[in-house]
Amino acid sequence: MRQLVLIFVLFVSTAVLSQEYGRKSYYIIDSLDLSVLNSSDSSAIYQTLNEYHTTKNSVSRLVLFSEISNSIDNIDAQLAYSKAALSKIRTFYRRQKGKLSDSDYFKLKEAESNALINLGSAYRNLGKHKKSLSYFFEAKEICEEIGLKKKLTSILINIGGVFYN
């Protein structure tokens, strides 16, 4: 009887742990505490990741991933997803350098600038102005390089906002 109970406990705990692991792997960010997200943030993340996991094109996936932070309020989640997006984009770019079409290069650089802007905004909201500015200036360089004038205007306004505070 004790062996049966022990086997049952092991089975149930394994099933519960594997479900939690599966859930975290779906959300990609292991360190993010999903329980602190409000329903709007959870929904936005889930919808974007659902599209991310079903998209086959690697560049399109990275663009989607870089946009997660745009629609969530939780600063920890913004930082986690923006940092992960930046890392994934830069890793992919290093591996594919010289093999990318001009169109894919442009899309990746725009996604990289998006992740940098999201990081700059999150750090500005945390009052970490020096760190915020470094991300905004890095995004500014990318936008100047690829000619994103509207996004460049937005970055300059954000930089001005940091200096104003």
N, C-alpha and C. Protein backbone atom coordinates (compact mmCIF):
# COMPACT_ATOMS: atom_id res chain seq x y z
N MET A 1 0.84 -1.19 0.00
CA MET A 1 0.00 0.00 0.00
C MET A 1 0.88 1.26 0.00
N ARG A 2 1.92 1.29 0.83
CA ARG A 2 2.80 2.44 0.88
C ARG A 2 3.51 2.64 -0.46
N GLN A 3 3.88 1.54 -1.08
CA GLN A 3 4.53 1.64 -2.38
C GLN A 3 3.59 2.24 -3.42
N LEU A 4 2.34 1.85 -3.35
CA LEU A 4 1.34 2.36 -4.28
C LEU A 4 1.15 3.87 -4.08
N VAL A 5 1.08 4.30 -2.82
CA VAL A 5 0.94 5.72 -2.51
C VAL A 5 2.17 6.49 -2.99
N LEU A 6 3.35 5.94 -2.75
CA LEU A 6 4.60 6.58 -3.16
C LEU A 6 4.65 6.72 -4.69
N ILE A 7 4.27 5.69 -5.40
CA ILE A 7 4.25 5.73 -6.86
C ILE A 7 3.25 6.78 -7.34
N PHE A 8 2.08 6.83 -6.69
CA PHE A 8 1.07 7.82 -7.06
C PHE A 8 1.58 9.24 -6.84
N VAL A 9 2.21 9.50 -5.69
CA VAL A 9 2.76 10.83 -5.38
C VAL A 9 3.84 11.21 -6.39
N LEU A 10 4.71 10.27 -6.72
CA LEU A 10 5.76 10.54 -7.70
C LEU A 10 5.16 10.85 -9.07
N PHE A 11 4.16 10.09 -9.45
CA PHE A 11 3.52 10.30 -10.74
C PHE A 11 2.87 11.68 -10.81
N VAL A 12 2.10 12.04 -9.78
CA VAL A 12 1.40 13.32 -9.76
C VAL A 12 2.39 14.48 -9.73
N SER A 13 3.43 14.38 -8.89
CA SER A 13 4.40 15.48 -8.81
C SER A 13 5.17 15.63 -10.11
N THR A 14 5.48 14.54 -10.78
CA THR A 14 6.15 14.60 -12.07
C THR A 14 5.26 15.26 -13.10
N ALA A 15 3.98 14.91 -13.11
CA ALA A 15 3.04 15.50 -14.06
C ALA A 15 2.89 17.00 -13.81
N VAL A 16 2.79 17.40 -12.56
CA VAL A 16 2.64 18.82 -12.22
C VAL A 16 3.90 19.58 -12.61
N LEU A 17 5.06 19.06 -12.27
CA LEU A 17 6.31 19.74 -12.59
C LEU A 17 6.52 19.84 -14.10
N SER A 18 6.19 18.81 -14.82
CA SER A 18 6.38 18.85 -16.27
C SER A 18 5.42 19.83 -16.92
N GLN A 19 4.20 19.99 -16.37
CA GLN A 19 3.28 20.98 -16.91
C GLN A 19 3.82 22.39 -16.67
N GLU A 20 4.35 22.63 -15.49
CA GLU A 20 4.91 23.94 -15.19
C GLU A 20 6.11 24.22 -16.09
N TYR A 21 6.94 23.22 -16.30
CA TYR A 21 8.09 23.40 -17.16
C TYR A 21 7.62 23.70 -18.58
N GLY A 22 6.64 22.96 -19.05
CA GLY A 22 6.11 23.19 -20.38
C GLY A 22 5.55 24.59 -20.51
N ARG A 23 4.87 25.04 -19.51
CA ARG A 23 4.29 26.38 -19.54
C ARG A 23 5.39 27.43 -19.63
N LYS A 24 6.42 27.28 -18.81
CA LYS A 24 7.52 28.25 -18.84
C LYS A 24 8.25 28.20 -20.17
N SER A 25 8.42 27.01 -20.73
CA SER A 25 9.12 26.93 -22.01
C SER A 25 8.28 27.61 -23.10
N TYR A 26 6.98 27.55 -22.98
CA TYR A 26 6.12 28.25 -23.94
C TYR A 26 6.33 29.76 -23.85
N TYR A 27 6.45 30.25 -22.63
CA TYR A 27 6.62 31.68 -22.40
C TYR A 27 8.06 32.15 -22.60
N ILE A 28 8.98 31.23 -22.79
CA ILE A 28 10.38 31.43 -23.15
C ILE A 28 11.23 31.99 -22.03
N ILE A 29 10.73 32.85 -21.20
CA ILE A 29 11.50 33.49 -20.14
C ILE A 29 11.36 32.67 -18.86
N ASP A 30 12.39 31.93 -18.49
CA ASP A 30 12.32 31.07 -17.31
C ASP A 30 12.21 31.86 -16.01
N SER A 31 12.88 33.01 -15.94
CA SER A 31 12.94 33.76 -14.68
C SER A 31 11.70 34.62 -14.43
N LEU A 32 10.80 34.71 -15.38
CA LEU A 32 9.63 35.57 -15.23
C LEU A 32 8.57 34.88 -14.38
N ASP A 33 8.12 35.59 -13.33
CA ASP A 33 7.05 35.07 -12.47
C ASP A 33 5.72 35.39 -13.12
N LEU A 34 5.15 34.39 -13.78
CA LEU A 34 3.92 34.60 -14.54
C LEU A 34 2.73 34.96 -13.65
N SER A 35 2.80 34.60 -12.38
CA SER A 35 1.66 34.84 -11.49
C SER A 35 1.47 36.33 -11.17
N VAL A 36 2.49 37.17 -11.40
CA VAL A 36 2.37 38.59 -11.09
C VAL A 36 1.82 39.40 -12.25
N LEU A 37 1.63 38.76 -13.39
CA LEU A 37 1.11 39.49 -14.55
C LEU A 37 -0.39 39.68 -14.45
N ASN A 38 -0.88 40.85 -14.83
CA ASN A 38 -2.32 41.05 -14.85
C ASN A 38 -2.89 40.34 -16.08
N SER A 39 -4.19 40.24 -16.15
CA SER A 39 -4.80 39.45 -17.23
C SER A 39 -4.54 40.07 -18.60
N SER A 40 -4.47 41.38 -18.67
CA SER A 40 -4.19 42.05 -19.94
C SER A 40 -2.78 41.72 -20.44
N ASP A 41 -1.79 41.78 -19.53
CA ASP A 41 -0.41 41.44 -19.90
C ASP A 41 -0.30 39.97 -20.29
N SER A 42 -0.92 39.10 -19.51
CA SER A 42 -0.88 37.66 -19.82
C SER A 42 -1.49 37.38 -21.18
N SER A 43 -2.61 38.03 -21.46
CA SER A 43 -3.28 37.83 -22.73
C SER A 43 -2.43 38.32 -23.89
N ALA A 44 -1.83 39.50 -23.74
CA ALA A 44 -0.98 40.07 -24.80
C ALA A 44 0.23 39.17 -25.07
N ILE A 45 0.85 38.70 -24.00
CA ILE A 45 2.01 37.82 -24.15
C ILE A 45 1.59 36.52 -24.81
N TYR A 46 0.50 35.95 -24.33
CA TYR A 46 0.04 34.67 -24.86
C TYR A 46 -0.30 34.79 -26.35
N GLN A 47 -1.00 35.84 -26.74
CA GLN A 47 -1.39 35.99 -28.14
C GLN A 47 -0.17 36.13 -29.05
N THR A 48 0.78 36.95 -28.63
CA THR A 48 1.98 37.14 -29.45
C THR A 48 2.80 35.87 -29.51
N LEU A 49 2.94 35.18 -28.36
CA LEU A 49 3.72 33.95 -28.36
C LEU A 49 3.03 32.83 -29.13
N ASN A 50 1.72 32.83 -29.14
CA ASN A 50 1.00 31.84 -29.93
C ASN A 50 1.35 32.01 -31.42
N GLU A 51 1.35 33.26 -31.87
CA GLU A 51 1.75 33.53 -33.25
C GLU A 51 3.23 33.20 -33.46
N TYR A 52 4.06 33.56 -32.47
CA TYR A 52 5.50 33.28 -32.55
C TYR A 52 5.76 31.78 -32.73
N HIS A 53 5.10 30.96 -31.94
CA HIS A 53 5.34 29.51 -31.99
C HIS A 53 4.79 28.86 -33.25
N THR A 54 3.86 29.51 -33.94
CA THR A 54 3.30 28.92 -35.16
C THR A 54 3.94 29.49 -36.43
N THR A 55 4.72 30.55 -36.30
CA THR A 55 5.38 31.15 -37.46
C THR A 55 6.64 30.36 -37.79
N LYS A 56 6.82 30.06 -39.04
CA LYS A 56 7.96 29.25 -39.48
C LYS A 56 9.19 30.10 -39.82
N ASN A 57 9.00 31.29 -40.36
CA ASN A 57 10.11 32.13 -40.78
C ASN A 57 10.84 32.71 -39.57
N SER A 58 12.14 32.47 -39.48
CA SER A 58 12.93 32.89 -38.31
C SER A 58 12.93 34.40 -38.12
N VAL A 59 13.06 35.15 -39.19
CA VAL A 59 13.08 36.61 -39.08
C VAL A 59 11.73 37.12 -38.59
N SER A 60 10.65 36.58 -39.13
CA SER A 60 9.31 36.98 -38.68
C SER A 60 9.11 36.66 -37.21
N ARG A 61 9.62 35.51 -36.79
CA ARG A 61 9.52 35.14 -35.37
C ARG A 61 10.24 36.14 -34.49
N LEU A 62 11.43 36.56 -34.90
CA LEU A 62 12.20 37.51 -34.10
C LEU A 62 11.53 38.88 -34.06
N VAL A 63 10.94 39.28 -35.17
CA VAL A 63 10.20 40.55 -35.19
C VAL A 63 9.03 40.48 -34.21
N LEU A 64 8.27 39.40 -34.25
CA LEU A 64 7.17 39.21 -33.30
C LEU A 64 7.66 39.25 -31.86
N PHE A 65 8.75 38.54 -31.61
CA PHE A 65 9.28 38.46 -30.26
C PHE A 65 9.71 39.84 -29.75
N SER A 66 10.25 40.66 -30.65
CA SER A 66 10.70 42.00 -30.23
C SER A 66 9.53 42.91 -29.89
N GLU A 67 8.33 42.56 -30.35
CA GLU A 67 7.16 43.42 -30.15
C GLU A 67 6.35 43.07 -28.90
N ILE A 68 6.72 42.01 -28.20
CA ILE A 68 5.95 41.61 -27.01
C ILE A 68 5.87 42.74 -26.00
N SER A 69 7.00 43.39 -25.74
CA SER A 69 7.04 44.43 -24.71
C SER A 69 6.17 45.63 -25.02
N ASN A 70 5.85 45.83 -26.29
CA ASN A 70 5.04 47.00 -26.67
C ASN A 70 3.66 46.99 -26.04
N SER A 71 3.15 45.81 -25.72
CA SER A 71 1.76 45.73 -25.29
C SER A 71 1.57 45.28 -23.84
N ILE A 72 2.64 45.33 -23.04
CA ILE A 72 2.50 44.92 -21.64
C ILE A 72 2.93 46.05 -20.69
N ASP A 73 2.33 46.06 -19.52
CA ASP A 73 2.59 47.11 -18.54
C ASP A 73 3.62 46.72 -17.49
N ASN A 74 3.73 45.44 -17.19
CA ASN A 74 4.62 44.96 -16.13
C ASN A 74 6.08 45.20 -16.54
N ILE A 75 6.79 46.04 -15.76
CA ILE A 75 8.14 46.42 -16.13
C ILE A 75 9.10 45.23 -16.10
N ASP A 76 8.94 44.34 -15.14
CA ASP A 76 9.81 43.15 -15.10
C ASP A 76 9.64 42.31 -16.37
N ALA A 77 8.40 42.17 -16.81
CA ALA A 77 8.13 41.41 -18.04
C ALA A 77 8.67 42.16 -19.25
N GLN A 78 8.51 43.48 -19.27
CA GLN A 78 9.06 44.28 -20.37
C GLN A 78 10.57 44.08 -20.47
N LEU A 79 11.24 44.18 -19.33
CA LEU A 79 12.70 44.01 -19.33
C LEU A 79 13.09 42.60 -19.76
N ALA A 80 12.41 41.61 -19.22
CA ALA A 80 12.75 40.22 -19.53
C ALA A 80 12.58 39.93 -21.02
N TYR A 81 11.43 40.31 -21.59
CA TYR A 81 11.19 40.03 -23.00
C TYR A 81 12.05 40.88 -23.92
N SER A 82 12.31 42.13 -23.55
CA SER A 82 13.16 42.98 -24.39
C SER A 82 14.61 42.49 -24.39
N LYS A 83 15.11 42.11 -23.23
CA LYS A 83 16.48 41.57 -23.16
C LYS A 83 16.59 40.27 -23.94
N ALA A 84 15.60 39.41 -23.79
CA ALA A 84 15.63 38.13 -24.51
C ALA A 84 15.54 38.37 -26.02
N ALA A 85 14.68 39.30 -26.44
CA ALA A 85 14.55 39.61 -27.87
C ALA A 85 15.87 40.13 -28.42
N LEU A 86 16.48 41.05 -27.69
CA LEU A 86 17.75 41.63 -28.14
C LEU A 86 18.82 40.55 -28.28
N SER A 87 18.89 39.68 -27.30
CA SER A 87 19.86 38.58 -27.34
C SER A 87 19.60 37.64 -28.52
N LYS A 88 18.34 37.25 -28.71
CA LYS A 88 17.99 36.34 -29.81
C LYS A 88 18.28 36.98 -31.17
N ILE A 89 17.95 38.25 -31.32
CA ILE A 89 18.17 38.94 -32.58
C ILE A 89 19.66 39.03 -32.89
N ARG A 90 20.44 39.42 -31.90
CA ARG A 90 21.89 39.58 -32.13
C ARG A 90 22.57 38.23 -32.38
N THR A 91 22.13 37.20 -31.68
CA THR A 91 22.68 35.86 -31.92
C THR A 91 22.35 35.40 -33.33
N PHE A 92 21.10 35.56 -33.73
CA PHE A 92 20.69 35.16 -35.08
C PHE A 92 21.47 35.94 -36.13
N TYR A 93 21.60 37.25 -35.90
CA TYR A 93 22.31 38.09 -36.86
C TYR A 93 23.76 37.65 -37.01
N ARG A 94 24.43 37.36 -35.90
CA ARG A 94 25.83 36.89 -35.97
C ARG A 94 25.94 35.59 -36.75
N ARG A 95 25.00 34.70 -36.54
CA ARG A 95 25.04 33.40 -37.23
C ARG A 95 24.71 33.51 -38.71
N GLN A 96 23.89 34.50 -39.07
CA GLN A 96 23.43 34.63 -40.46
C GLN A 96 24.11 35.75 -41.23
N LYS A 97 25.05 36.42 -40.59
CA LYS A 97 25.69 37.58 -41.23
C LYS A 97 26.24 37.18 -42.59
N GLY A 98 25.95 37.99 -43.58
CA GLY A 98 26.38 37.71 -44.94
C GLY A 98 25.42 36.83 -45.72
N LYS A 99 24.47 36.19 -45.03
CA LYS A 99 23.51 35.31 -45.69
C LYS A 99 22.12 35.93 -45.78
N LEU A 100 21.93 37.06 -45.12
CA LEU A 100 20.60 37.68 -45.05
C LEU A 100 20.32 38.52 -46.29
N SER A 101 19.08 38.48 -46.73
CA SER A 101 18.66 39.39 -47.80
C SER A 101 18.60 40.80 -47.22
N ASP A 102 18.58 41.79 -48.09
CA ASP A 102 18.47 43.18 -47.62
C ASP A 102 17.20 43.39 -46.81
N SER A 103 16.12 42.76 -47.26
CA SER A 103 14.84 42.88 -46.58
C SER A 103 14.90 42.29 -45.17
N ASP A 104 15.48 41.10 -45.04
CA ASP A 104 15.60 40.47 -43.72
C ASP A 104 16.54 41.26 -42.81
N TYR A 105 17.62 41.79 -43.37
CA TYR A 105 18.54 42.61 -42.60
C TYR A 105 17.80 43.82 -42.03
N PHE A 106 17.03 44.49 -42.88
CA PHE A 106 16.26 45.66 -42.46
C PHE A 106 15.28 45.29 -41.34
N LYS A 107 14.55 44.18 -41.53
CA LYS A 107 13.57 43.74 -40.52
C LYS A 107 14.25 43.44 -39.19
N LEU A 108 15.40 42.78 -39.24
CA LEU A 108 16.13 42.46 -38.00
C LEU A 108 16.64 43.71 -37.31
N LYS A 109 17.16 44.66 -38.09
CA LYS A 109 17.66 45.90 -37.49
C LYS A 109 16.51 46.70 -36.87
N GLU A 110 15.35 46.69 -37.53
CA GLU A 110 14.20 47.38 -36.97
C GLU A 110 13.73 46.69 -35.68
N ALA A 111 13.74 45.36 -35.69
CA ALA A 111 13.36 44.62 -34.48
C ALA A 111 14.37 44.87 -33.35
N GLU A 112 15.64 44.96 -33.70
CA GLU A 112 16.67 45.26 -32.70
C GLU A 112 16.45 46.65 -32.11
N SER A 113 16.14 47.62 -32.98
CA SER A 113 15.88 48.97 -32.47
C SER A 113 14.64 48.98 -31.58
N ASN A 114 13.64 48.19 -31.92
CA ASN A 114 12.43 48.09 -31.12
C ASN A 114 12.74 47.57 -29.71
N ALA A 115 13.55 46.51 -29.65
CA ALA A 115 13.93 45.95 -28.35
C ALA A 115 14.72 46.97 -27.53
N LEU A 116 15.61 47.70 -28.19
CA LEU A 116 16.41 48.72 -27.49
C LEU A 116 15.53 49.86 -26.98
N ILE A 117 14.56 50.28 -27.77
CA ILE A 117 13.63 51.34 -27.34
C ILE A 117 12.82 50.86 -26.14
N ASN A 118 12.36 49.62 -26.19
CA ASN A 118 11.59 49.07 -25.06
C ASN A 118 12.43 49.02 -23.80
N LEU A 119 13.70 48.64 -23.94
CA LEU A 119 14.60 48.63 -22.78
C LEU A 119 14.82 50.05 -22.26
N GLY A 120 15.04 50.99 -23.17
CA GLY A 120 15.22 52.38 -22.75
C GLY A 120 14.00 52.91 -22.02
N SER A 121 12.83 52.60 -22.52
CA SER A 121 11.58 53.05 -21.87
C SER A 121 11.41 52.42 -20.50
N ALA A 122 11.68 51.13 -20.40
CA ALA A 122 11.53 50.45 -19.10
C ALA A 122 12.49 51.03 -18.07
N TYR A 123 13.73 51.23 -18.46
CA TYR A 123 14.70 51.79 -17.51
C TYR A 123 14.38 53.24 -17.17
N ARG A 124 13.85 53.99 -18.12
CA ARG A 124 13.41 55.37 -17.81
C ARG A 124 12.32 55.33 -16.75
N ASN A 125 11.37 54.40 -16.90
CA ASN A 125 10.27 54.28 -15.93
C ASN A 125 10.76 53.84 -14.56
N LEU A 126 11.89 53.16 -14.52
CA LEU A 126 12.48 52.75 -13.24
C LEU A 126 13.37 53.84 -12.65
N GLY A 127 13.56 54.94 -13.38
CA GLY A 127 14.40 56.03 -12.91
C GLY A 127 15.88 55.79 -13.15
N LYS A 128 16.22 54.83 -13.98
CA LYS A 128 17.63 54.53 -14.29
C LYS A 128 17.97 55.24 -15.60
N HIS A 129 18.19 56.55 -15.48
CA HIS A 129 18.30 57.41 -16.65
C HIS A 129 19.54 57.15 -17.48
N LYS A 130 20.67 56.90 -16.85
CA LYS A 130 21.90 56.66 -17.60
C LYS A 130 21.77 55.39 -18.47
N LYS A 131 21.23 54.34 -17.87
CA LYS A 131 21.02 53.10 -18.59
C LYS A 131 19.98 53.29 -19.71
N SER A 132 18.94 54.03 -19.40
CA SER A 132 17.90 54.33 -20.38
C SER A 132 18.49 55.04 -21.60
N LEU A 133 19.31 56.05 -21.35
CA LEU A 133 19.90 56.81 -22.44
C LEU A 133 20.81 55.94 -23.31
N SER A 134 21.55 55.03 -22.69
CA SER A 134 22.44 54.19 -23.49
C SER A 134 21.65 53.34 -24.48
N TYR A 135 20.50 52.82 -24.06
CA TYR A 135 19.66 52.04 -24.98
C TYR A 135 19.03 52.93 -26.05
N PHE A 136 18.56 54.11 -25.66
CA PHE A 136 17.97 55.02 -26.65
C PHE A 136 19.00 55.45 -27.70
N PHE A 137 20.22 55.76 -27.26
CA PHE A 137 21.25 56.18 -28.22
C PHE A 137 21.67 55.04 -29.14
N GLU A 138 21.69 53.83 -28.64
CA GLU A 138 22.00 52.69 -29.48
C GLU A 138 20.90 52.48 -30.53
N ALA A 139 19.64 52.63 -30.11
CA ALA A 139 18.52 52.52 -31.05
C ALA A 139 18.58 53.65 -32.08
N LYS A 140 18.97 54.83 -31.63
CA LYS A 140 19.09 55.99 -32.53
C LYS A 140 20.08 55.70 -33.65
N GLU A 141 21.22 55.12 -33.32
CA GLU A 141 22.23 54.80 -34.33
C GLU A 141 21.68 53.83 -35.38
N ILE A 142 20.94 52.82 -34.92
CA ILE A 142 20.36 51.83 -35.85
C ILE A 142 19.35 52.51 -36.76
N CYS A 143 18.49 53.35 -36.18
CA CYS A 143 17.46 54.02 -36.98
C CYS A 143 18.07 54.97 -38.00
N GLU A 144 19.16 55.63 -37.63
CA GLU A 144 19.86 56.48 -38.60
C GLU A 144 20.47 55.64 -39.71
N GLU A 145 21.04 54.48 -39.34
CA GLU A 145 21.68 53.60 -40.32
C GLU A 145 20.69 53.10 -41.39
N ILE A 146 19.49 52.72 -40.95
CA ILE A 146 18.55 52.12 -41.90
C ILE A 146 17.44 53.08 -42.34
N GLY A 147 17.50 54.33 -41.87
CA GLY A 147 16.59 55.36 -42.36
C GLY A 147 15.18 55.32 -41.81
N LEU A 148 15.02 54.96 -40.56
CA LEU A 148 13.69 54.95 -39.93
C LEU A 148 13.42 56.31 -39.30
N LYS A 149 12.94 57.25 -40.09
CA LYS A 149 12.79 58.63 -39.63
C LYS A 149 11.72 58.80 -38.56
N LYS A 150 10.57 58.12 -38.71
CA LYS A 150 9.51 58.25 -37.70
C LYS A 150 9.96 57.68 -36.36
N LYS A 151 10.61 56.53 -36.41
CA LYS A 151 11.09 55.92 -35.17
C LYS A 151 12.21 56.77 -34.56
N LEU A 152 13.04 57.37 -35.40
CA LEU A 152 14.10 58.24 -34.93
C LEU A 152 13.53 59.44 -34.19
N THR A 153 12.44 60.00 -34.72
CA THR A 153 11.77 61.12 -34.05
C THR A 153 11.28 60.70 -32.67
N SER A 154 10.69 59.53 -32.59
CA SER A 154 10.20 59.01 -31.31
C SER A 154 11.35 58.82 -30.31
N ILE A 155 12.47 58.32 -30.80
CA ILE A 155 13.63 58.11 -29.92
C ILE A 155 14.14 59.45 -29.40
N LEU A 156 14.23 60.44 -30.27
CA LEU A 156 14.71 61.76 -29.84
C LEU A 156 13.78 62.38 -28.80
N ILE A 157 12.48 62.17 -28.96
CA ILE A 157 11.52 62.65 -27.96
C ILE A 157 11.75 61.93 -26.63
N ASN A 158 11.99 60.62 -26.70
CA ASN A 158 12.26 59.85 -25.47
C ASN A 158 13.55 60.33 -24.80
N ILE A 159 14.58 60.59 -25.59
CA ILE A 159 15.85 61.11 -25.03
C ILE A 159 15.60 62.46 -24.35
N GLY A 160 14.83 63.32 -25.01
CA GLY A 160 14.49 64.60 -24.41
C GLY A 160 13.72 64.43 -23.11
N GLY A 161 12.83 63.44 -23.07
CA GLY A 161 12.07 63.17 -21.85
C GLY A 161 12.95 62.73 -20.70
N VAL A 162 13.97 61.97 -21.00
CA VAL A 162 14.91 61.53 -19.95
C VAL A 162 15.65 62.74 -19.41
N PHE A 163 16.12 63.60 -20.28
CA PHE A 163 16.85 64.79 -19.84
C PHE A 163 15.94 65.76 -19.09
N TYR A 164 14.68 65.81 -19.47
CA TYR A 164 13.71 66.70 -18.80
C TYR A 164 13.51 66.26 -17.36
N ASN A 165 13.48 64.95 -17.15
CA ASN A 165 13.29 64.45 -15.79
C ASN A 165 14.57 64.55 -15.02
